[in-house]
Protein backbone atom coordinates (compact mmCIF):
# COMPACT_ATOMS: atom_id res chain seq x y z
CA UNK A 1 16.33 -68.68 42.94
CA UNK A 2 14.44 -69.66 46.09
CA UNK A 3 10.77 -69.13 46.87
CA UNK A 4 10.46 -67.75 50.44
CA UNK A 5 6.86 -68.95 50.66
CA UNK A 6 7.81 -72.61 50.31
CA UNK A 7 8.59 -74.58 53.43
CA UNK A 8 11.42 -76.28 51.59
CA UNK A 9 13.06 -74.53 48.63
CA UNK A 10 13.47 -76.45 45.39
CA UNK A 11 17.21 -77.06 45.18
CA UNK A 12 19.53 -78.43 42.55
CA UNK A 13 19.62 -81.86 44.22
CA UNK A 14 15.82 -81.99 43.90
CA UNK A 15 16.14 -81.12 40.23
CA UNK A 16 18.69 -83.88 39.73
CA UNK A 17 16.33 -86.40 41.34
CA UNK A 18 13.48 -85.17 39.11
CA UNK A 19 15.58 -85.55 35.96
CA UNK A 20 16.72 -89.05 36.97
CA UNK A 21 13.13 -90.10 37.74
CA UNK A 22 11.82 -88.80 34.40
CA UNK A 23 14.77 -90.29 32.51
CA UNK A 24 14.12 -93.72 33.99
CA UNK A 25 10.43 -93.44 33.13
CA UNK A 26 11.44 -92.69 29.55
CA UNK A 27 13.83 -95.66 29.51
CA UNK A 28 16.82 -93.57 28.46
CA UNK A 29 19.02 -93.71 31.55
CA UNK A 30 19.39 -97.11 33.18
CA UNK A 31 22.83 -96.43 34.70
CA UNK A 32 22.56 -92.80 35.68
CA UNK A 33 24.51 -91.34 38.63
CA UNK A 34 24.52 -87.88 40.15
CA UNK A 35 27.70 -86.06 41.19
CA UNK A 36 26.46 -83.37 43.65
CA UNK A 37 29.89 -81.76 43.95
CA UNK A 38 29.95 -80.73 40.28
CA UNK A 39 26.16 -80.76 39.62
CA UNK A 40 26.73 -83.36 36.92
CA UNK A 41 24.79 -86.44 35.81
CA UNK A 42 27.07 -89.32 34.81
CA UNK A 43 26.12 -91.97 32.30
CA UNK A 44 29.17 -93.95 31.25
CA UNK A 45 31.53 -91.47 29.59
CA UNK A 46 28.74 -88.94 29.10
CA UNK A 47 28.48 -85.96 31.46
CA UNK A 48 25.46 -83.67 31.66
CA UNK A 49 25.91 -80.41 33.60
CA UNK A 50 22.72 -79.36 35.44
CA UNK A 51 23.62 -75.88 36.70
CA UNK A 52 22.20 -73.77 33.88
CA UNK A 53 19.21 -76.05 33.37
CA UNK A 54 18.37 -75.79 37.06
CA UNK A 55 18.60 -72.00 37.04
CA UNK A 56 16.24 -71.84 34.07
CA UNK A 57 13.84 -74.37 35.60
CA UNK A 58 13.69 -72.55 38.95
CA UNK A 59 12.50 -69.31 37.35
CA UNK A 60 10.32 -70.68 34.54
CA UNK A 61 6.53 -70.85 34.43
CA UNK A 62 4.79 -74.24 34.39
CA UNK A 63 4.64 -74.54 30.60
CA UNK A 64 8.26 -73.56 30.11
CA UNK A 65 9.34 -75.99 32.85
CA UNK A 66 8.17 -78.86 30.64
CA UNK A 67 10.41 -77.75 27.79
CA UNK A 68 13.42 -77.29 30.08
CA UNK A 69 12.93 -80.76 31.54
CA UNK A 70 12.63 -82.06 27.99
CA UNK A 71 15.96 -80.41 27.16
CA UNK A 72 17.55 -82.15 30.15
CA UNK A 73 16.21 -85.54 29.06
CA UNK A 74 17.30 -84.93 25.49
CA UNK A 75 20.87 -84.37 26.67
CA UNK A 76 20.77 -87.87 28.15
CA UNK A 77 19.18 -89.46 25.11
CA UNK A 78 21.33 -90.79 22.31
CA UNK A 79 20.74 -88.15 19.70
CA UNK A 80 20.19 -89.01 16.09
CA UNK A 81 23.47 -88.52 14.23
CA UNK A 82 22.34 -89.37 10.69
CA UNK A 83 19.79 -86.58 10.28
CA UNK A 84 19.41 -85.66 6.61
CA UNK A 85 19.76 -82.21 5.08
CA UNK A 86 16.05 -82.25 4.29
CA UNK A 87 15.17 -82.89 7.95
CA UNK A 88 17.69 -80.28 9.10
CA UNK A 89 16.07 -77.73 6.80
CA UNK A 90 12.70 -78.49 8.40
CA UNK A 91 14.07 -77.90 11.93
CA UNK A 92 16.71 -75.19 11.58
CA UNK A 93 16.23 -71.75 13.16
CA UNK A 94 18.61 -68.79 13.03
CA UNK A 95 19.65 -67.76 16.54
CA UNK A 96 21.84 -65.30 18.45
CA UNK A 97 24.13 -66.60 21.16
CA UNK A 98 27.07 -65.30 23.17
CA UNK A 99 30.45 -66.05 21.64
CA UNK A 100 31.65 -66.81 25.16
CA UNK A 101 29.06 -69.60 25.38
CA UNK A 102 30.93 -71.56 22.74
CA UNK A 103 34.38 -71.08 24.27
CA UNK A 104 33.17 -71.70 27.83
CA UNK A 105 31.44 -74.92 26.78
CA UNK A 106 34.71 -76.22 25.36
CA UNK A 107 36.59 -75.09 28.49
CA UNK A 108 34.05 -76.72 30.80
CA UNK A 109 34.18 -79.92 28.72
CA UNK A 110 37.93 -80.10 29.18
CA UNK A 111 37.64 -79.25 32.89
CA UNK A 112 35.18 -82.08 33.46
CA UNK A 113 37.46 -84.64 31.81
CA UNK A 114 36.06 -84.58 28.30
CA UNK A 115 39.35 -83.67 26.67
CA UNK A 116 39.25 -81.36 23.66
CA UNK A 117 36.70 -83.27 21.60
CA UNK A 118 33.65 -81.09 22.27
CA UNK A 119 32.26 -80.23 18.79
CA UNK A 120 32.49 -76.62 17.69
CA UNK A 121 29.53 -74.48 16.72
CA UNK A 122 28.99 -73.07 13.23
CA UNK A 123 28.71 -69.34 13.87
CA UNK A 124 29.62 -65.85 12.72
CA UNK A 125 30.29 -62.84 15.02
CA UNK A 126 27.85 -59.94 14.78
CA UNK A 127 29.37 -57.84 17.59
CA UNK A 128 32.11 -57.92 20.21
CA UNK A 129 30.17 -60.42 22.35
CA UNK A 130 27.44 -61.95 20.18
CA UNK A 131 27.32 -64.29 17.19
CA UNK A 132 24.64 -65.61 14.89
CA UNK A 133 24.37 -69.39 14.70
CA UNK A 134 21.97 -72.18 13.79
CA UNK A 135 19.96 -74.48 16.03
CA UNK A 136 17.85 -77.52 15.24
CA UNK A 137 14.59 -77.10 17.13
CA UNK A 138 13.10 -80.48 18.04
CA UNK A 139 9.94 -80.76 20.17
CA UNK A 140 11.92 -81.87 23.24
CA UNK A 141 15.22 -80.03 22.81
CA UNK A 142 17.41 -77.86 20.62
CA UNK A 143 20.91 -78.64 19.39
CA UNK A 144 23.56 -76.45 17.81
CA UNK A 145 24.63 -77.00 14.21
CA UNK A 146 28.36 -77.69 13.93
CA UNK A 147 30.80 -77.27 11.01
CA UNK A 148 30.90 -81.06 10.84
CA UNK A 149 27.12 -81.14 10.36
CA UNK A 150 27.39 -78.70 7.46
CA UNK A 151 30.13 -80.77 5.86
CA UNK A 152 28.04 -83.95 6.19
CA UNK A 153 25.01 -82.26 4.63
CA UNK A 154 27.04 -80.72 1.82
CA UNK A 155 25.80 -77.20 2.50
CA UNK A 156 27.26 -73.92 3.74
CA UNK A 157 26.52 -71.90 6.84
CA UNK A 158 25.03 -69.10 4.74
CA UNK A 159 22.76 -71.39 2.74
CA UNK A 160 21.31 -73.00 5.85
CA UNK A 161 21.24 -69.66 7.67
CA UNK A 162 18.85 -68.24 5.07
CA UNK A 163 16.50 -71.17 5.70
CA UNK A 164 16.73 -70.68 9.48
CA UNK A 165 16.23 -66.93 9.21
CA UNK A 166 13.12 -67.44 7.09
CA UNK A 167 11.71 -69.80 9.73
CA UNK A 168 12.42 -67.29 12.50
CA UNK A 169 10.83 -64.51 10.45
CA UNK A 170 7.74 -66.61 9.64
CA UNK A 171 7.18 -67.33 13.34
CA UNK A 172 7.48 -63.68 14.34
CA UNK A 173 4.96 -60.90 14.53
CA UNK A 174 5.82 -57.57 16.19
CA UNK A 175 5.02 -58.09 19.85
CA UNK A 176 6.37 -55.42 22.18
CA UNK A 177 5.42 -54.14 25.61
CA UNK A 178 5.97 -50.43 26.21
CA UNK A 179 8.12 -49.37 29.15
CA UNK A 180 9.12 -45.83 30.21
CA UNK A 181 11.56 -44.87 27.44
CA UNK A 182 11.94 -48.26 25.75
CA UNK A 183 10.17 -51.45 24.66
CA UNK A 184 10.53 -55.09 25.74
CA UNK A 185 9.86 -57.98 23.37
CA UNK A 186 6.95 -60.14 24.49
CA UNK A 187 7.48 -63.50 22.77
CA UNK A 188 9.14 -65.43 25.65
CA UNK A 189 9.95 -68.46 23.48
CA UNK A 190 13.77 -68.76 23.73
CA UNK A 191 14.21 -66.72 20.53
CA UNK A 192 13.47 -63.20 21.82
CA UNK A 193 17.07 -62.06 21.57
CA UNK A 194 17.49 -63.76 18.18
CA UNK A 195 14.91 -61.45 16.67
CA UNK A 196 17.54 -58.75 16.42
CA UNK A 197 18.28 -60.59 13.15
CA UNK A 198 14.90 -59.37 11.80
CA UNK A 199 15.24 -55.56 11.70
CA UNK A 200 11.83 -55.03 10.09
CA UNK A 201 10.04 -55.97 13.34
CA UNK A 202 11.12 -52.61 14.78
CA UNK A 203 9.41 -50.70 11.97
CA UNK A 204 6.04 -50.23 13.73
CA UNK A 205 7.67 -48.84 16.87
CA UNK A 206 7.91 -45.11 17.44
CA UNK A 207 11.67 -44.88 17.86
CA UNK A 208 13.72 -41.71 17.82
CA UNK A 209 16.59 -42.75 15.57
CA UNK A 210 17.92 -46.21 14.71
CA UNK A 211 16.99 -49.18 16.95
CA UNK A 212 19.39 -49.61 19.87
CA UNK A 213 19.01 -53.00 21.51
CA UNK A 214 20.17 -54.70 24.70
CA UNK A 215 20.04 -58.50 25.12
CA UNK A 216 20.46 -59.15 28.86
CA UNK A 217 18.85 -62.59 28.66
CA UNK A 218 18.05 -65.10 25.91
CA UNK A 219 14.34 -64.55 26.54
CA UNK A 220 14.54 -60.76 26.56
CA UNK A 221 15.04 -58.08 23.94
CA UNK A 222 15.01 -54.41 24.98
CA UNK A 223 14.92 -51.65 22.34
CA UNK A 224 14.81 -47.87 22.11
CA UNK A 225 15.95 -45.20 19.64
CA UNK A 226 19.54 -44.02 19.16
CA UNK A 227 18.54 -40.38 19.71
CA UNK A 228 16.44 -41.12 22.80
CA UNK A 229 19.12 -40.54 25.43
CA UNK A 230 16.77 -40.85 28.40
CA UNK A 231 15.39 -44.06 26.90
CA UNK A 232 18.88 -45.51 26.45
CA UNK A 233 19.76 -44.71 30.06
CA UNK A 234 16.55 -46.35 31.30
CA UNK A 235 17.04 -49.39 29.05
CA UNK A 236 20.64 -49.98 30.13
CA UNK A 237 19.72 -49.59 33.80
CA UNK A 238 16.97 -52.21 33.39
CA UNK A 239 19.29 -54.49 31.41
CA UNK A 240 21.91 -54.37 34.16
CA UNK A 241 19.28 -55.23 36.77
CA UNK A 242 18.14 -58.21 34.68
CA UNK A 243 21.73 -59.42 34.32
CA UNK A 244 22.16 -59.24 38.10
CA UNK A 245 18.92 -60.96 39.08
CA UNK A 246 17.67 -63.30 36.33
CA UNK A 247 18.84 -66.78 35.34
CA UNK A 248 21.11 -67.36 32.37
CA UNK A 249 22.21 -63.71 32.09
CA UNK A 250 24.00 -62.54 28.99
CA UNK A 251 25.17 -58.93 29.06
CA UNK A 252 23.81 -55.37 28.85
CA UNK A 253 26.18 -54.07 26.12
CA UNK A 254 24.04 -52.11 23.60
CA UNK A 255 23.85 -52.95 19.90
CA UNK A 256 22.55 -50.82 17.04
CA UNK A 257 20.71 -51.83 13.88
CA UNK A 258 21.72 -49.57 11.03
CA UNK A 259 20.89 -50.25 7.39
CA UNK A 260 19.77 -53.73 8.37
CA UNK A 261 23.08 -54.69 10.00
CA UNK A 262 23.84 -55.35 13.68
CA UNK A 263 26.85 -53.61 15.24
CA UNK A 264 28.14 -52.51 18.64
CA UNK A 265 26.69 -49.15 19.66
CA UNK A 266 29.20 -46.33 20.12
CA UNK A 267 28.78 -42.69 21.09
CA UNK A 268 31.28 -39.82 21.29
CA UNK A 269 32.92 -38.95 24.60
CA UNK A 270 30.98 -35.68 24.78
CA UNK A 271 27.64 -37.51 24.50
CA UNK A 272 25.38 -37.28 27.58
CA UNK A 273 25.07 -41.10 27.50
CA UNK A 274 28.77 -41.88 26.99
CA UNK A 275 29.34 -43.06 30.56
CA UNK A 276 26.15 -45.18 30.53
CA UNK A 277 27.17 -46.94 27.31
CA UNK A 278 30.74 -47.36 28.54
CA UNK A 279 29.54 -48.86 31.83
CA UNK A 280 27.37 -51.43 30.04
CA UNK A 281 30.27 -52.52 27.84
CA UNK A 282 32.78 -52.73 30.69
CA UNK A 283 30.34 -54.68 32.88
CA UNK A 284 29.89 -57.12 30.00
CA UNK A 285 33.63 -57.71 29.79
CA UNK A 286 33.81 -58.08 33.58
CA UNK A 287 31.07 -60.74 33.56
CA UNK A 288 32.81 -62.87 30.94
CA UNK A 289 36.31 -62.53 32.35
CA UNK A 290 35.12 -63.49 35.83
CA UNK A 291 33.53 -66.68 34.46
CA UNK A 292 36.59 -67.46 32.38
CA UNK A 293 38.98 -66.81 35.27
CA UNK A 294 37.12 -69.17 37.59
CA UNK A 295 37.18 -72.05 35.10
CA UNK A 296 40.78 -71.49 34.02
CA UNK A 297 41.98 -71.52 37.62
CA UNK A 298 40.23 -74.85 38.19
CA UNK A 299 41.61 -76.29 34.95
CA UNK A 300 45.22 -75.28 35.60
CA UNK A 301 45.08 -76.51 39.19
CA UNK A 302 43.84 -79.80 37.80
CA UNK A 303 46.67 -79.96 35.26
CA UNK A 304 49.35 -78.73 37.67
CA UNK A 305 50.25 -75.69 35.57
CA UNK A 306 51.97 -73.08 37.68
CA UNK A 307 50.98 -69.69 36.34
CA UNK A 308 48.60 -66.95 37.31
CA UNK A 309 45.23 -66.26 35.67
CA UNK A 310 45.11 -62.47 35.79
CA UNK A 311 41.98 -60.70 37.00
CA UNK A 312 39.98 -58.13 35.06
CA UNK A 313 39.45 -55.25 37.51
CA UNK A 314 36.98 -52.43 36.81
CA UNK A 315 37.24 -49.01 38.46
CA UNK A 316 35.13 -45.88 38.23
CA UNK A 317 37.11 -42.68 37.64
CA UNK A 318 36.74 -39.74 40.00
CA UNK A 319 35.40 -37.59 37.14
CA UNK A 320 33.02 -40.32 35.95
CA UNK A 321 33.52 -43.06 33.42
CA UNK A 322 35.11 -46.47 33.85
CA UNK A 323 38.45 -48.09 33.16
CA UNK A 324 39.70 -51.64 33.47
CA UNK A 325 43.16 -52.86 34.39
CA UNK A 326 45.13 -56.06 34.97
CA UNK A 327 48.42 -56.67 36.80
CA UNK A 328 51.63 -57.79 35.08
CA UNK A 329 54.04 -59.09 37.73
CA UNK A 330 57.73 -59.45 36.99
CA UNK A 331 58.27 -62.92 38.45
CA UNK A 332 55.01 -64.76 37.75
CA UNK A 333 54.02 -66.22 34.35
CA UNK A 334 50.53 -64.82 33.81
CA UNK A 335 47.53 -64.97 31.50
CA UNK A 336 46.56 -61.34 31.11
CA UNK A 337 43.01 -60.30 30.17
CA UNK A 338 42.76 -57.47 27.62
CA UNK A 339 42.11 -54.28 29.61
CA UNK A 340 42.33 -50.51 29.21
CA UNK A 341 45.41 -50.31 31.42
CA UNK A 342 48.18 -52.57 32.69
CA UNK A 343 49.58 -52.13 36.20
CA UNK A 344 53.23 -53.21 36.40
CA UNK A 345 54.41 -54.84 39.62
CA UNK A 346 57.87 -55.94 40.74
CA UNK A 347 57.81 -58.07 43.94
CA UNK A 348 61.63 -58.14 44.08
CA UNK A 349 61.81 -54.46 45.01
CA UNK A 350 61.27 -52.98 48.49
CA UNK A 351 57.57 -52.93 49.37
CA UNK A 352 57.15 -49.19 48.82
CA UNK A 353 58.61 -49.44 45.30
CA UNK A 354 56.85 -52.54 43.99
CA UNK A 355 54.04 -50.70 42.17
CA UNK A 356 55.81 -49.40 39.10
CA UNK A 357 52.87 -47.58 37.53
CA UNK A 358 50.15 -47.81 34.90
CA UNK A 359 50.35 -47.96 31.12
CA UNK A 360 47.74 -47.93 28.37
CA UNK A 361 47.19 -51.34 26.76
CA UNK A 362 47.73 -49.99 23.24
CA UNK A 363 51.03 -48.35 24.24
CA UNK A 364 52.27 -51.60 25.77
CA UNK A 365 51.37 -53.55 22.63
CA UNK A 366 53.20 -50.97 20.50
CA UNK A 367 56.39 -50.91 22.62
CA UNK A 368 56.52 -54.42 24.15
CA UNK A 369 53.95 -56.40 22.18
CA UNK A 370 56.48 -59.13 21.43
CA UNK A 371 56.32 -60.19 25.07
CA UNK A 372 52.58 -60.96 24.91
CA UNK A 373 51.57 -64.26 23.33
CA UNK A 374 47.96 -64.34 22.10
CA UNK A 375 46.43 -67.60 23.38
CA UNK A 376 43.46 -67.37 20.95
CA UNK A 377 41.04 -67.65 23.87
CA UNK A 378 37.71 -65.86 24.03
CA UNK A 379 37.56 -63.43 25.69
CA UNK A 380 41.15 -62.63 24.80
CA UNK A 381 44.05 -63.72 27.01
CA UNK A 382 47.76 -63.04 26.52
CA UNK A 383 50.46 -65.19 28.09
CA UNK A 384 53.48 -63.36 29.53
CA UNK A 385 56.53 -64.99 31.08
CA UNK A 386 59.06 -62.18 30.58
CA UNK A 387 58.97 -58.61 31.87
CA UNK A 388 59.52 -55.38 29.93
CA UNK A 389 62.93 -53.76 30.15
CA UNK A 390 63.44 -50.56 32.12
CA UNK A 391 63.59 -48.68 28.82
CA UNK A 392 60.27 -50.17 27.66
CA UNK A 393 58.62 -49.38 31.00
CA UNK A 394 59.85 -45.80 30.87
CA UNK A 395 58.34 -45.44 27.39
CA UNK A 396 54.86 -46.65 28.34
CA UNK A 397 54.18 -45.86 32.01
CA UNK A 398 51.82 -42.90 32.41
CA UNK A 399 51.21 -42.89 36.17
CA UNK A 400 53.34 -43.92 39.11
CA UNK A 401 50.71 -45.46 41.37
CA UNK A 402 47.28 -47.13 41.26
């Protein structure tokens, strides 16, 4: 984020000042205030969060910086609400985004005092973590298409999606850079990851098997063949490094394109790449649950709700592989993340007896599923306020200690 060769690093406060200066020049923000505690620009009831924009701006080249600054200004500008279907069809582009992006935006909106009025996004899941959606690409900014937009225009998601997919396809030529074992897309135009929706672009590549793709960043698409085990290992290692070090990370979980359709990539447990694929998927879940946990804790503190937001914990097994677990405590109402295992804990017992043991998530749902209330959050959270009976615990617990 910081350039060690600069005498003074460019910080988020500098970015806020730059946005305010440019907004005033453009005559779109006469009463603009900056809240440095929350990295938010305030304009009446409107709030514009600068964190993600700043991260993008800090790592962008000069040309891309202009577009990011334009996006920031567009968020402050009163956007045109009466756009026609004809104009929408001339601007729409099919895109791939994280499903968590939509739920986190709503959560952040509520956290920052916006209530529950943040408009939803018209989308359709294509994998555990990703969805296809529609954006309107204006010269200065992009905006998501909502179900309300579709209703106003009298069209369906699928009808407009075909128009947006055609525009994405028309703007795309195969453009890949070869790496040891895999390829990286070389478009760098905010739609790199979205090109997974165009399977024919992988045709010219010399892949061993079906295309296996990782989307660690909106501006990056990594691909190799499903039978190229060394290539998959190298690709996932690079994807994880990108997620750790680049701005606006998504996740390294691999996807496969088979018969023109996108799906999560799975391999058998005896595959030489099983642990690599499993690690990428578990790290993806860890990333999203950590973000969700942080915001939920802030929100419930704000609202004075007295229950625990359970952590998603990831461990590596002694024999290799990874497993996740959460803790279900007897006396504390908790929002549990969905994990491989549940650790049961009873703080009313003597200290040496408080850890009751571990149980598989599926076994718990089968025996005591009535105690877990699905909150319909993404990623999934289950509210528990009661504890399993001794008989239920005896039926599900597999191990006696963590």
